[in-house]
Amino acid sequence: MLENMDYILEYGISGFHQYALDEPAHICYAGAGLSGMLGAEADELKSDGVTDPYLAFVYRDDREAYMEFLKKAGSAEQNIKSEYRLVKKDGTVIYVMDSMTVKRLEDGSMAGYSVLTDISEIKKQNENLKFLNEAIPCGFLKYTCEKQPRITYMNRQMKELMRIPETKEGEMDYFELFSDNIFLMVPMEERHMFSMYLNRVYSAGEPISGEMTLLRCDGTRAHVFGWVSKCVNEQGEDEFRSVCIDMTERHQAQKENETKRYIKALTDVYDKIFEYDLGANTVKCLYSNNSPMFKWLENIPMQMEEATEKWISGTVVDEDRERLRAFFRDFCRKKLSGPDSRPPGITYRARSSSGEIKSYSGIFLKMDSSVSLYCCRNIQDPTETEGLRSENVSLKEDMQKIVKNFTDGVAAFEVKDSYVTPLYASDNVCGFFGFTKDEWMPLMKQSTPIKDFVAKSGASYDEIARLLKTGEAEFTYFDFRTNRERRIKAICSQKSPSSSSPRYIMLYNVDESEPKNTDGHIVTIRTFGYFDVFIGERAVAFRNKKAKELFAMLVDRRGGFVSSEEAISFLWEDEPVNPVTLARYRKVALRLKNTLEEYGIQDVMETVDGKRRIVTEKVKCDLYDYLSGKEEYSQLFKGSYLTNYSWGENTLAELTGNILHQN
């Protein structure tokens, strides 16, 4: 081996040379591999101990960095690397990787043993990729083929498209959050479609292209055109790769043009059109049909509640104001309609620009998740206020269709003189009137005296008489399906000038104690025993344990706000509140928010200035039922509470104390 050592150093190791790193640093030995790499003679690399002839071969713009590399290398024993360019004797420029091992010799001097690797081809490829990256501003990302894909790479353009900020100390790492689950980049309404596309790409092995919407970090949306393909990565594992082109501006311009054409078509039907923007909390008049009252306000945004109230109190007749206020209040709270229901509408009387009292019909048309158009028109025929009649359809048949399709009404009746005829009712409402479903069906085919009809109901005859007189009333009944009391509101149509004409009563569910998700299922929380949340009969799967614990903490607080500092003291009992724990908590809170949004129950949690609370009226919880003091819930508590969490012992002691006090 010793006999072959010189040969190995000369020819077997690429660009081998040795440095004397004490000032001034210089090459003290240059192998034939180095002179061959530079196209120079060995004598041209020999140093006189003062100057370094190798420095003359270093590319002029890289010499300062090269000298800094030698200075750093001579500071301690280490392995150190640097990239720089060399100019060969024939003028060719090459990129090299200088890998040096630094050792201290017996005399105390520092020596460096370097190997050069020609990386010119790699650099050229990277330069080409860099050129393509800058010339074609596309977002590029790689992600796993799991059921919940994880992002393994995202280029700079994609981060800019998603508006992912640079991570600072103590702040949330949004890229890390997205990395755990790519579906967080996709709006709720498009996640199912995106999942189907991934399944199709994975099973067929063929790429798919198309347009879709992405959810940025700042809450805005980007519209992109892109494609997904399945590849095999360096580890031999399947992975998805996507390229995205930002088309947001083009999409918005196209959408604006479509909206303008849509509004133009609406102006042929409606007298006035107002844009209600829940996101900005503004309303503006888009079309007024040259009405003196609204023409000067066209396209001027106004504060939503203030402008609506000013219009209602200034023009709508007294007896219709509260009903119209409730209609707009429910719209602002997103309670008017579910995802599959028809556009919500209302009729009312108001003073026109000419000073006359006229009847109007209004309807909300949803444009997107935050913007809706309120369109209204003057009803020329007063009888239309009784229920959106269509030609060649009897009033009774049309009323049944209205109740089934246009309202969340639970019942409707025709009242003529002192007789009543049921038109339609939900299955569980018959009990309110004291009838079974079998008894109810014959009643729909005949007229029954009002006194006889309400004799077995939960409402007295006097209450029904008041309803017919005033036009509105609320009743409470016991719903056997949900085993709890509920409230319904009754609205009676205006009395016709002819006393023999029929009147109509509609019943609406106005009880808010049973919040439902978009599928119509009740949100139920179990605290007695282990903590869990259900939507209907399906348990909510919290992917993050701390996010679930935070939600349990909000439930335990019973509607009170929990600050970041309070939450941290419970979630990480042994750690102080500092930038690190605050960033960790924000990440947990965001994951909880995303889970609630995924199941469509985000409205059960309210956030104000960083503080969070459970909206108690939107959930059904065994703890809240038990503490209500009602007899039917008195046996719910069996001695265990939030078994998952030690901090629940305070409330457990309170509950146990209540039992002892009662006994």
Foldseek 3Di string as FASTA:
>chain_A
DVVCVLVCQQPVFAFKWKWQLDPPIETCGTHVNNCVVQVHDRVQQHDPVHDGSQLVFFPPVCSVVVSVQSNVLQPDFDWDKDWGWGQHPVRDIWIKIWIWGWDQDPVRTIMIIIGIDTCRVVVVVVVVVVVVCVVALKWKWKWALDLFIFTPDTDPSRCVLLVQDDDDFLAARVNNLCRRGVCLFAALVCSVVVSVQSVCQVVVQDKDWDWGWTQHPVRDIWIWTKMKGWDADPVRHIMIMMIIDTCRVVVVVVLVVVVVVVVVVVVVPFQWKKKQFLVVQWIFTQHHVPFPVRPVGHPPTDRNVVVVLCQLVVWFDPLCSVVVVVVVVCVSVVNFDFPPADWAKAKGWTQGSVRDIFIKIWTWADDDPGMIMITMHTDPDVVCNQDNDDPPDDPLVRVLCCCVGHGQWAWKWKDFDQKIATRHGDQQCVVQQPDHPVRNVVSNVDIDGNQVRNVRHQDHPVQVVVCLVSQKDKGWDQRPVVRGIFMKMKGKDDQDPDRRDIIMIIIHGPQLQFAAFSVRFGWEWEFQPATWIDGHNHTQDQPDPLLSVLVVVQVVVVFDWDALQRSLCFSPVPDHDDSNSSNVSVSSPVSNLVSCVSRRNNVQWDDDPRIIHGNNSNHHYLVVVCVVPDPVSVPVHDQGGNPVGPVCVVVSVVVVVVVVVVD
